Protein backbone atom coordinates (compact mmCIF):
# COMPACT_ATOMS: atom_id res chain seq x y z
CA UNK A 1 0.00 0.00 0.00
CA UNK A 2 2.73 2.47 0.88
CA UNK A 3 4.67 1.54 -2.26
CA UNK A 4 1.55 2.31 -4.29
CA UNK A 5 1.14 5.66 -2.54
CA UNK A 6 4.81 6.44 -3.20
CA UNK A 7 4.25 5.64 -6.87
CA UNK A 8 0.94 7.52 -7.23
CA UNK A 9 1.25 10.53 -4.92
CA UNK A 10 4.25 10.60 -2.52
CA UNK A 11 2.92 13.49 -0.44
CA UNK A 12 0.10 11.23 0.77
CA UNK A 13 2.71 9.41 2.87
CA UNK A 14 3.28 12.55 4.95
CA UNK A 15 -0.45 12.74 5.68
CA UNK A 16 -0.56 9.07 6.70
CA UNK A 17 2.48 9.40 8.94
CA UNK A 18 0.96 12.47 10.63
CA UNK A 19 -2.21 10.52 11.45
CA UNK A 20 -0.17 7.69 12.92
CA UNK A 21 1.92 10.14 14.92
CA UNK A 22 -1.28 11.58 16.42
CA UNK A 23 -2.48 8.09 17.38
CA UNK A 24 0.95 7.27 18.80
CA UNK A 25 1.01 10.34 21.02
CA UNK A 26 -2.56 9.82 22.23
CA UNK A 27 -1.81 6.17 23.10
CA UNK A 28 1.67 6.81 24.52
CA UNK A 29 2.29 4.64 27.57
CA UNK A 30 -0.39 2.07 26.76
CA UNK A 31 0.68 -1.50 27.44
CA UNK A 32 -1.28 -3.45 24.82
CA UNK A 33 -2.56 -1.71 21.70
CA UNK A 34 -4.43 -3.14 18.72
CA UNK A 35 -4.46 -1.60 15.25
CA UNK A 36 -7.59 -2.57 13.33
CA UNK A 37 -7.32 -2.55 9.54
CA UNK A 38 -3.54 -2.33 9.56
CA UNK A 39 -3.06 -2.91 5.84
CA UNK A 40 0.61 -3.68 5.26
CA UNK A 41 1.52 -2.18 8.69
CA UNK A 42 4.24 0.01 7.21
CA UNK A 43 3.41 3.13 9.29
CA UNK A 44 2.59 1.09 12.39
CA UNK A 45 6.16 1.47 13.64
CA UNK A 46 5.33 5.06 14.55
CA UNK A 47 2.89 3.74 17.14
CA UNK A 48 5.32 1.01 18.22
CA UNK A 49 7.71 3.74 19.35
CA UNK A 50 5.21 4.96 21.97
CA UNK A 51 3.49 1.83 23.32
CA UNK A 52 4.76 -1.30 25.05
CA UNK A 53 3.20 -3.90 22.76
CA UNK A 54 1.46 -3.44 19.40
CA UNK A 55 -0.71 -6.08 17.80
CA UNK A 56 -2.13 -5.58 14.30
CA UNK A 57 -5.06 -7.14 12.50
CA UNK A 58 -6.67 -6.97 9.07
CA UNK A 59 -9.26 -9.03 7.22
CA UNK A 60 -6.84 -9.61 4.32
CA UNK A 61 -4.32 -12.45 4.87
CA UNK A 62 -1.92 -10.95 2.30
CA UNK A 63 -1.60 -7.81 4.42
CA UNK A 64 -1.05 -9.86 7.57
CA UNK A 65 1.69 -11.87 5.87
CA UNK A 66 3.39 -8.58 5.01
CA UNK A 67 2.95 -7.29 8.57
CA UNK A 68 4.53 -10.49 9.92
CA UNK A 69 7.42 -10.06 7.50
CA UNK A 70 8.00 -6.56 8.87
CA UNK A 71 8.11 -7.87 12.46
CA UNK A 72 11.90 -8.00 12.64
CA UNK A 73 14.46 -7.58 15.42
CA UNK A 74 13.94 -4.24 17.11
CA UNK A 75 10.46 -3.88 15.61
CA UNK A 76 8.75 -7.05 16.83
CA UNK A 77 4.97 -6.96 16.84
CA UNK A 78 3.19 -8.56 19.79
CA UNK A 79 1.03 -10.30 17.19
CA UNK A 80 -0.46 -10.05 13.71
CA UNK A 81 -3.63 -11.95 12.87
CA UNK A 82 -6.39 -12.13 10.28
CA UNK A 83 -9.77 -11.00 11.59
CA UNK A 84 -12.99 -9.65 10.14
CA UNK A 85 -14.30 -7.22 12.76
CA UNK A 86 -17.86 -7.80 11.57
CA UNK A 87 -17.61 -11.47 12.57
CA UNK A 88 -17.01 -10.85 16.28
CA UNK A 89 -14.61 -9.30 18.80
CA UNK A 90 -10.90 -9.71 18.12
CA UNK A 91 -8.76 -11.98 20.24
CA UNK A 92 -7.03 -10.47 23.26
CA UNK A 93 -7.64 -7.52 25.57
CA UNK A 94 -6.22 -4.05 25.00
CA UNK A 95 -5.91 -0.74 26.79
CA UNK A 96 -5.57 1.10 23.48
CA UNK A 97 -7.01 0.56 20.02
CA UNK A 98 -7.11 2.51 16.78
CA UNK A 99 -8.43 2.30 13.23
CA UNK A 100 -7.25 4.90 10.72
CA UNK A 101 -8.86 5.07 7.29
CA UNK A 102 -11.03 2.04 8.03
CA UNK A 103 -14.54 3.03 9.18
CA UNK A 104 -15.29 4.78 5.87
CA UNK A 105 -15.09 1.34 4.21
CA UNK A 106 -17.75 -0.16 6.52
CA UNK A 107 -21.36 0.10 5.35
CA UNK A 108 -23.41 2.37 7.63
CA UNK A 109 -25.74 -0.49 8.55
CA UNK A 110 -22.73 -2.49 9.79
CA UNK A 111 -20.86 0.25 11.66
CA UNK A 112 -22.38 -0.41 15.09
CA UNK A 113 -21.48 -4.10 14.88
CA UNK A 114 -17.96 -3.16 13.82
CA UNK A 115 -17.51 -0.65 16.65
CA UNK A 116 -19.17 -2.87 19.27
CA UNK A 117 -16.81 -5.71 18.41
CA UNK A 118 -13.83 -3.40 18.72
CA UNK A 119 -15.02 -2.07 22.08
CA UNK A 120 -15.65 -5.61 23.38
CA UNK A 121 -11.89 -6.27 23.48
CA UNK A 122 -11.04 -2.84 24.92
CA UNK A 123 -10.47 -2.41 28.66
CA UNK A 124 -13.13 -0.40 30.50
CA UNK A 125 -10.65 2.47 30.88
CA UNK A 126 -9.10 1.98 27.44
CA UNK A 127 -8.86 4.50 24.62
CA UNK A 128 -10.10 4.03 21.06
CA UNK A 129 -9.12 6.31 18.16
CA UNK A 130 -11.04 6.43 14.89
CA UNK A 131 -9.82 8.49 11.93
CA UNK A 132 -11.44 8.95 8.55
CA UNK A 133 -11.73 11.35 5.60
CA UNK A 134 -14.44 13.92 6.21
CA UNK A 135 -17.64 13.85 4.20
CA UNK A 136 -16.88 17.42 3.13
CA UNK A 137 -13.57 16.34 1.58
CA UNK A 138 -15.07 13.84 -0.83
CA UNK A 139 -15.90 16.18 -3.76
CA UNK A 140 -12.17 17.01 -3.91
CA UNK A 141 -10.81 13.48 -3.34
CA UNK A 142 -9.01 11.59 -6.06
CA UNK A 143 -10.60 8.60 -7.75
CA UNK A 144 -8.11 6.37 -5.92
CA UNK A 145 -8.99 7.89 -2.56
CA UNK A 146 -12.71 7.51 -3.16
CA UNK A 147 -12.51 3.81 -3.97
CA UNK A 148 -14.46 1.91 -1.36
CA UNK A 149 -15.49 5.03 0.60
CA UNK A 150 -19.07 4.11 1.49
CA UNK A 151 -19.33 5.75 4.92
CA UNK A 152 -17.48 9.06 5.19
CA UNK A 153 -18.89 11.33 7.89
CA UNK A 154 -18.89 14.94 8.94
CA UNK A 155 -17.25 15.59 12.31
CA UNK A 156 -20.57 16.00 14.23
CA UNK A 157 -21.93 12.76 12.80
CA UNK A 158 -18.75 10.85 13.64
CA UNK A 159 -19.00 12.19 17.20
CA UNK A 160 -22.65 11.08 17.45
CA UNK A 161 -21.68 7.65 16.11
CA UNK A 162 -18.92 7.20 18.68
CA UNK A 163 -21.10 8.48 21.51
CA UNK A 164 -23.33 5.47 20.99
CA UNK A 165 -20.40 3.38 22.25
CA UNK A 166 -18.40 5.71 24.55
CA UNK A 167 -19.23 8.21 27.28
CA UNK A 168 -16.36 10.54 26.34
CA UNK A 169 -15.55 11.47 22.74
CA UNK A 170 -13.05 14.21 21.82
CA UNK A 171 -12.89 15.46 18.25
CA UNK A 172 -9.97 16.72 16.15
CA UNK A 173 -9.47 17.75 12.53
CA UNK A 174 -6.60 17.46 10.09
CA UNK A 175 -5.78 19.24 6.87
CA UNK A 176 -2.89 17.49 5.20
CA UNK A 177 -0.50 16.87 8.12
CA UNK A 178 -1.76 19.78 10.27
CA UNK A 179 -3.84 18.86 13.33
CA UNK A 180 -6.37 21.40 14.59
CA UNK A 181 -9.70 21.93 16.33
CA UNK A 182 -10.93 24.51 13.85
CA UNK A 183 -13.94 24.74 11.58
CA UNK A 184 -14.78 21.12 10.81
CA UNK A 185 -16.47 21.78 7.46
CA UNK A 186 -13.09 22.82 6.06
CA UNK A 187 -11.30 19.75 7.43
CA UNK A 188 -10.09 17.03 5.12
CA UNK A 189 -9.82 14.41 7.90
CA UNK A 190 -11.57 13.92 11.23
CA UNK A 191 -10.46 12.02 14.32
CA UNK A 192 -12.35 10.84 17.38
CA UNK A 193 -10.55 9.98 20.61
CA UNK A 194 -12.92 7.89 22.73
CA UNK A 195 -12.75 6.60 26.28
CA UNK A 196 -14.97 5.24 29.06
CA UNK A 197 -16.85 2.75 26.91
CA UNK A 198 -20.52 2.07 27.45
CA UNK A 199 -21.50 -1.39 28.66
C-alpha atoms as a PDB file:
ATOM      1  CA  UNK A   1       0.000   0.000   0.000  1.00  0.00           C
ATOM      2  CA  UNK A   2       2.729   2.471   0.883  1.00  0.00           C
ATOM      3  CA  UNK A   3       4.675   1.542  -2.262  1.00  0.00           C
ATOM      4  CA  UNK A   4       1.554   2.313  -4.289  1.00  0.00           C
ATOM      5  CA  UNK A   5       1.138   5.664  -2.542  1.00  0.00           C
ATOM      6  CA  UNK A   6       4.810   6.440  -3.202  1.00  0.00           C
ATOM      7  CA  UNK A   7       4.249   5.635  -6.871  1.00  0.00           C
ATOM      8  CA  UNK A   8       0.937   7.524  -7.230  1.00  0.00           C
ATOM      9  CA  UNK A   9       1.252  10.527  -4.924  1.00  0.00           C
ATOM     10  CA  UNK A  10       4.247  10.601  -2.524  1.00  0.00           C
ATOM     11  CA  UNK A  11       2.920  13.494  -0.437  1.00  0.00           C
ATOM     12  CA  UNK A  12       0.103  11.230   0.773  1.00  0.00           C
ATOM     13  CA  UNK A  13       2.707   9.407   2.872  1.00  0.00           C
ATOM     14  CA  UNK A  14       3.278  12.546   4.949  1.00  0.00           C
ATOM     15  CA  UNK A  15      -0.451  12.737   5.683  1.00  0.00           C
ATOM     16  CA  UNK A  16      -0.562   9.070   6.697  1.00  0.00           C
ATOM     17  CA  UNK A  17       2.477   9.397   8.940  1.00  0.00           C
ATOM     18  CA  UNK A  18       0.963  12.472  10.634  1.00  0.00           C
ATOM     19  CA  UNK A  19      -2.211  10.515  11.448  1.00  0.00           C
ATOM     20  CA  UNK A  20      -0.167   7.689  12.917  1.00  0.00           C
ATOM     21  CA  UNK A  21       1.922  10.144  14.923  1.00  0.00           C
ATOM     22  CA  UNK A  22      -1.277  11.575  16.419  1.00  0.00           C
ATOM     23  CA  UNK A  23      -2.478   8.087  17.380  1.00  0.00           C
ATOM     24  CA  UNK A  24       0.952   7.269  18.796  1.00  0.00           C
ATOM     25  CA  UNK A  25       1.005  10.345  21.019  1.00  0.00           C
ATOM     26  CA  UNK A  26      -2.556   9.820  22.226  1.00  0.00           C
ATOM     27  CA  UNK A  27      -1.811   6.175  23.099  1.00  0.00           C
ATOM     28  CA  UNK A  28       1.672   6.810  24.518  1.00  0.00           C
ATOM     29  CA  UNK A  29       2.294   4.640  27.566  1.00  0.00           C
ATOM     30  CA  UNK A  30      -0.387   2.070  26.760  1.00  0.00           C
ATOM     31  CA  UNK A  31       0.680  -1.496  27.439  1.00  0.00           C
ATOM     32  CA  UNK A  32      -1.284  -3.451  24.824  1.00  0.00           C
ATOM     33  CA  UNK A  33      -2.556  -1.713  21.700  1.00  0.00           C
ATOM     34  CA  UNK A  34      -4.429  -3.139  18.718  1.00  0.00           C
ATOM     35  CA  UNK A  35      -4.457  -1.598  15.253  1.00  0.00           C
ATOM     36  CA  UNK A  36      -7.588  -2.573  13.333  1.00  0.00           C
ATOM     37  CA  UNK A  37      -7.322  -2.552   9.544  1.00  0.00           C
ATOM     38  CA  UNK A  38      -3.538  -2.333   9.565  1.00  0.00           C
ATOM     39  CA  UNK A  39      -3.057  -2.909   5.839  1.00  0.00           C
ATOM     40  CA  UNK A  40       0.607  -3.681   5.255  1.00  0.00           C
ATOM     41  CA  UNK A  41       1.516  -2.183   8.691  1.00  0.00           C
ATOM     42  CA  UNK A  42       4.239   0.005   7.209  1.00  0.00           C
ATOM     43  CA  UNK A  43       3.410   3.132   9.286  1.00  0.00           C
ATOM     44  CA  UNK A  44       2.592   1.085  12.394  1.00  0.00           C
ATOM     45  CA  UNK A  45       6.165   1.465  13.644  1.00  0.00           C
ATOM     46  CA  UNK A  46       5.332   5.060  14.545  1.00  0.00           C
ATOM     47  CA  UNK A  47       2.891   3.744  17.141  1.00  0.00           C
ATOM     48  CA  UNK A  48       5.320   1.014  18.219  1.00  0.00           C
ATOM     49  CA  UNK A  49       7.713   3.743  19.354  1.00  0.00           C
ATOM     50  CA  UNK A  50       5.213   4.962  21.973  1.00  0.00           C
ATOM     51  CA  UNK A  51       3.495   1.830  23.320  1.00  0.00           C
ATOM     52  CA  UNK A  52       4.760  -1.295  25.050  1.00  0.00           C
ATOM     53  CA  UNK A  53       3.202  -3.901  22.764  1.00  0.00           C
ATOM     54  CA  UNK A  54       1.456  -3.435  19.404  1.00  0.00           C
ATOM     55  CA  UNK A  55      -0.708  -6.078  17.797  1.00  0.00           C
ATOM     56  CA  UNK A  56      -2.134  -5.580  14.300  1.00  0.00           C
ATOM     57  CA  UNK A  57      -5.063  -7.136  12.497  1.00  0.00           C
ATOM     58  CA  UNK A  58      -6.666  -6.967   9.066  1.00  0.00           C
ATOM     59  CA  UNK A  59      -9.263  -9.026   7.221  1.00  0.00           C
ATOM     60  CA  UNK A  60      -6.844  -9.606   4.316  1.00  0.00           C
ATOM     61  CA  UNK A  61      -4.320 -12.446   4.868  1.00  0.00           C
ATOM     62  CA  UNK A  62      -1.917 -10.948   2.303  1.00  0.00           C
ATOM     63  CA  UNK A  63      -1.604  -7.813   4.419  1.00  0.00           C
ATOM     64  CA  UNK A  64      -1.045  -9.858   7.574  1.00  0.00           C
ATOM     65  CA  UNK A  65       1.687 -11.872   5.866  1.00  0.00           C
ATOM     66  CA  UNK A  66       3.389  -8.585   5.011  1.00  0.00           C
ATOM     67  CA  UNK A  67       2.950  -7.291   8.567  1.00  0.00           C
ATOM     68  CA  UNK A  68       4.526 -10.485   9.917  1.00  0.00           C
ATOM     69  CA  UNK A  69       7.416 -10.058   7.497  1.00  0.00           C
ATOM     70  CA  UNK A  70       8.001  -6.559   8.868  1.00  0.00           C
ATOM     71  CA  UNK A  71       8.114  -7.872  12.462  1.00  0.00           C
ATOM     72  CA  UNK A  72      11.895  -7.997  12.643  1.00  0.00           C
ATOM     73  CA  UNK A  73      14.460  -7.576  15.420  1.00  0.00           C
ATOM     74  CA  UNK A  74      13.937  -4.244  17.105  1.00  0.00           C
ATOM     75  CA  UNK A  75      10.461  -3.879  15.607  1.00  0.00           C
ATOM     76  CA  UNK A  76       8.752  -7.046  16.833  1.00  0.00           C
ATOM     77  CA  UNK A  77       4.974  -6.957  16.839  1.00  0.00           C
ATOM     78  CA  UNK A  78       3.191  -8.557  19.785  1.00  0.00           C
ATOM     79  CA  UNK A  79       1.033 -10.295  17.186  1.00  0.00           C
ATOM     80  CA  UNK A  80      -0.461 -10.053  13.706  1.00  0.00           C
ATOM     81  CA  UNK A  81      -3.629 -11.948  12.867  1.00  0.00           C
ATOM     82  CA  UNK A  82      -6.387 -12.126  10.276  1.00  0.00           C
ATOM     83  CA  UNK A  83      -9.767 -10.998  11.588  1.00  0.00           C
ATOM     84  CA  UNK A  84     -12.995  -9.646  10.136  1.00  0.00           C
ATOM     85  CA  UNK A  85     -14.300  -7.218  12.759  1.00  0.00           C
ATOM     86  CA  UNK A  86     -17.862  -7.802  11.565  1.00  0.00           C
ATOM     87  CA  UNK A  87     -17.606 -11.466  12.568  1.00  0.00           C
ATOM     88  CA  UNK A  88     -17.013 -10.852  16.284  1.00  0.00           C
ATOM     89  CA  UNK A  89     -14.614  -9.299  18.802  1.00  0.00           C
ATOM     90  CA  UNK A  90     -10.898  -9.711  18.122  1.00  0.00           C
ATOM     91  CA  UNK A  91      -8.756 -11.977  20.244  1.00  0.00           C
ATOM     92  CA  UNK A  92      -7.029 -10.469  23.258  1.00  0.00           C
ATOM     93  CA  UNK A  93      -7.643  -7.520  25.572  1.00  0.00           C
ATOM     94  CA  UNK A  94      -6.221  -4.050  24.996  1.00  0.00           C
ATOM     95  CA  UNK A  95      -5.914  -0.738  26.788  1.00  0.00           C
ATOM     96  CA  UNK A  96      -5.573   1.100  23.479  1.00  0.00           C
ATOM     97  CA  UNK A  97      -7.011   0.557  20.024  1.00  0.00           C
ATOM     98  CA  UNK A  98      -7.107   2.510  16.780  1.00  0.00           C
ATOM     99  CA  UNK A  99      -8.427   2.298  13.227  1.00  0.00           C
ATOM    100  CA  UNK A 100      -7.245   4.900  10.724  1.00  0.00           C
ATOM    101  CA  UNK A 101      -8.864   5.069   7.290  1.00  0.00           C
ATOM    102  CA  UNK A 102     -11.034   2.040   8.033  1.00  0.00           C
ATOM    103  CA  UNK A 103     -14.542   3.033   9.175  1.00  0.00           C
ATOM    104  CA  UNK A 104     -15.294   4.776   5.866  1.00  0.00           C
ATOM    105  CA  UNK A 105     -15.089   1.338   4.215  1.00  0.00           C
ATOM    106  CA  UNK A 106     -17.751  -0.165   6.520  1.00  0.00           C
ATOM    107  CA  UNK A 107     -21.361   0.100   5.347  1.00  0.00           C
ATOM    108  CA  UNK A 108     -23.413   2.370   7.632  1.00  0.00           C
ATOM    109  CA  UNK A 109     -25.744  -0.493   8.550  1.00  0.00           C
ATOM    110  CA  UNK A 110     -22.729  -2.491   9.791  1.00  0.00           C
ATOM    111  CA  UNK A 111     -20.857   0.247  11.661  1.00  0.00           C
ATOM    112  CA  UNK A 112     -22.378  -0.407  15.089  1.00  0.00           C
ATOM    113  CA  UNK A 113     -21.479  -4.102  14.885  1.00  0.00           C
ATOM    114  CA  UNK A 114     -17.964  -3.160  13.816  1.00  0.00           C
ATOM    115  CA  UNK A 115     -17.514  -0.648  16.651  1.00  0.00           C
ATOM    116  CA  UNK A 116     -19.169  -2.873  19.272  1.00  0.00           C
ATOM    117  CA  UNK A 117     -16.811  -5.707  18.408  1.00  0.00           C
ATOM    118  CA  UNK A 118     -13.826  -3.400  18.716  1.00  0.00           C
ATOM    119  CA  UNK A 119     -15.017  -2.069  22.078  1.00  0.00           C
ATOM    120  CA  UNK A 120     -15.652  -5.608  23.381  1.00  0.00           C
ATOM    121  CA  UNK A 121     -11.894  -6.266  23.480  1.00  0.00           C
ATOM    122  CA  UNK A 122     -11.039  -2.845  24.920  1.00  0.00           C
ATOM    123  CA  UNK A 123     -10.472  -2.413  28.655  1.00  0.00           C
ATOM    124  CA  UNK A 124     -13.126  -0.400  30.497  1.00  0.00           C
ATOM    125  CA  UNK A 125     -10.649   2.474  30.884  1.00  0.00           C
ATOM    126  CA  UNK A 126      -9.104   1.975  27.439  1.00  0.00           C
ATOM    127  CA  UNK A 127      -8.857   4.499  24.619  1.00  0.00           C
ATOM    128  CA  UNK A 128     -10.101   4.031  21.061  1.00  0.00           C
ATOM    129  CA  UNK A 129      -9.122   6.308  18.164  1.00  0.00           C
ATOM    130  CA  UNK A 130     -11.041   6.432  14.890  1.00  0.00           C
ATOM    131  CA  UNK A 131      -9.821   8.489  11.933  1.00  0.00           C
ATOM    132  CA  UNK A 132     -11.443   8.950   8.546  1.00  0.00           C
ATOM    133  CA  UNK A 133     -11.730  11.350   5.598  1.00  0.00           C
ATOM    134  CA  UNK A 134     -14.445  13.916   6.213  1.00  0.00           C
ATOM    135  CA  UNK A 135     -17.637  13.851   4.205  1.00  0.00           C
ATOM    136  CA  UNK A 136     -16.880  17.417   3.130  1.00  0.00           C
ATOM    137  CA  UNK A 137     -13.568  16.342   1.576  1.00  0.00           C
ATOM    138  CA  UNK A 138     -15.073  13.844  -0.826  1.00  0.00           C
ATOM    139  CA  UNK A 139     -15.902  16.177  -3.755  1.00  0.00           C
ATOM    140  CA  UNK A 140     -12.173  17.005  -3.907  1.00  0.00           C
ATOM    141  CA  UNK A 141     -10.812  13.485  -3.336  1.00  0.00           C
ATOM    142  CA  UNK A 142      -9.015  11.588  -6.062  1.00  0.00           C
ATOM    143  CA  UNK A 143     -10.597   8.602  -7.748  1.00  0.00           C
ATOM    144  CA  UNK A 144      -8.108   6.367  -5.917  1.00  0.00           C
ATOM    145  CA  UNK A 145      -8.988   7.894  -2.557  1.00  0.00           C
ATOM    146  CA  UNK A 146     -12.713   7.508  -3.164  1.00  0.00           C
ATOM    147  CA  UNK A 147     -12.507   3.806  -3.966  1.00  0.00           C
ATOM    148  CA  UNK A 148     -14.461   1.914  -1.361  1.00  0.00           C
ATOM    149  CA  UNK A 149     -15.495   5.029   0.601  1.00  0.00           C
ATOM    150  CA  UNK A 150     -19.070   4.106   1.490  1.00  0.00           C
ATOM    151  CA  UNK A 151     -19.332   5.750   4.916  1.00  0.00           C
ATOM    152  CA  UNK A 152     -17.484   9.062   5.192  1.00  0.00           C
ATOM    153  CA  UNK A 153     -18.891  11.325   7.894  1.00  0.00           C
ATOM    154  CA  UNK A 154     -18.889  14.943   8.938  1.00  0.00           C
ATOM    155  CA  UNK A 155     -17.252  15.589  12.308  1.00  0.00           C
ATOM    156  CA  UNK A 156     -20.566  16.001  14.228  1.00  0.00           C
ATOM    157  CA  UNK A 157     -21.931  12.761  12.799  1.00  0.00           C
ATOM    158  CA  UNK A 158     -18.748  10.851  13.639  1.00  0.00           C
ATOM    159  CA  UNK A 159     -19.005  12.190  17.200  1.00  0.00           C
ATOM    160  CA  UNK A 160     -22.646  11.082  17.452  1.00  0.00           C
ATOM    161  CA  UNK A 161     -21.681   7.648  16.115  1.00  0.00           C
ATOM    162  CA  UNK A 162     -18.918   7.203  18.675  1.00  0.00           C
ATOM    163  CA  UNK A 163     -21.103   8.484  21.514  1.00  0.00           C
ATOM    164  CA  UNK A 164     -23.329   5.465  20.994  1.00  0.00           C
ATOM    165  CA  UNK A 165     -20.404   3.381  22.251  1.00  0.00           C
ATOM    166  CA  UNK A 166     -18.396   5.710  24.546  1.00  0.00           C
ATOM    167  CA  UNK A 167     -19.230   8.206  27.277  1.00  0.00           C
ATOM    168  CA  UNK A 168     -16.359  10.539  26.344  1.00  0.00           C
ATOM    169  CA  UNK A 169     -15.550  11.472  22.736  1.00  0.00           C
ATOM    170  CA  UNK A 170     -13.052  14.210  21.819  1.00  0.00           C
ATOM    171  CA  UNK A 171     -12.889  15.462  18.250  1.00  0.00           C
ATOM    172  CA  UNK A 172      -9.969  16.717  16.152  1.00  0.00           C
ATOM    173  CA  UNK A 173      -9.475  17.750  12.532  1.00  0.00           C
ATOM    174  CA  UNK A 174      -6.598  17.457  10.089  1.00  0.00           C
ATOM    175  CA  UNK A 175      -5.780  19.241   6.873  1.00  0.00           C
ATOM    176  CA  UNK A 176      -2.890  17.490   5.195  1.00  0.00           C
ATOM    177  CA  UNK A 177      -0.504  16.870   8.123  1.00  0.00           C
ATOM    178  CA  UNK A 178      -1.763  19.785  10.267  1.00  0.00           C
ATOM    179  CA  UNK A 179      -3.835  18.857  13.326  1.00  0.00           C
ATOM    180  CA  UNK A 180      -6.374  21.399  14.588  1.00  0.00           C
ATOM    181  CA  UNK A 181      -9.697  21.927  16.329  1.00  0.00           C
ATOM    182  CA  UNK A 182     -10.933  24.509  13.854  1.00  0.00           C
ATOM    183  CA  UNK A 183     -13.943  24.737  11.579  1.00  0.00           C
ATOM    184  CA  UNK A 184     -14.777  21.115  10.808  1.00  0.00           C
ATOM    185  CA  UNK A 185     -16.466  21.780   7.462  1.00  0.00           C
ATOM    186  CA  UNK A 186     -13.092  22.825   6.060  1.00  0.00           C
ATOM    187  CA  UNK A 187     -11.297  19.753   7.432  1.00  0.00           C
ATOM    188  CA  UNK A 188     -10.089  17.027   5.123  1.00  0.00           C
ATOM    189  CA  UNK A 189      -9.824  14.414   7.895  1.00  0.00           C
ATOM    190  CA  UNK A 190     -11.573  13.921  11.231  1.00  0.00           C
ATOM    191  CA  UNK A 191     -10.456  12.021  14.324  1.00  0.00           C
ATOM    192  CA  UNK A 192     -12.353  10.836  17.384  1.00  0.00           C
ATOM    193  CA  UNK A 193     -10.547   9.983  20.615  1.00  0.00           C
ATOM    194  CA  UNK A 194     -12.922   7.892  22.725  1.00  0.00           C
ATOM    195  CA  UNK A 195     -12.750   6.600  26.278  1.00  0.00           C
ATOM    196  CA  UNK A 196     -14.967   5.239  29.058  1.00  0.00           C
ATOM    197  CA  UNK A 197     -16.850   2.751  26.908  1.00  0.00           C
ATOM    198  CA  UNK A 198     -20.521   2.073  27.446  1.00  0.00           C
ATOM    199  CA  UNK A 199     -21.496  -1.385  28.659  1.00  0.00           C
END
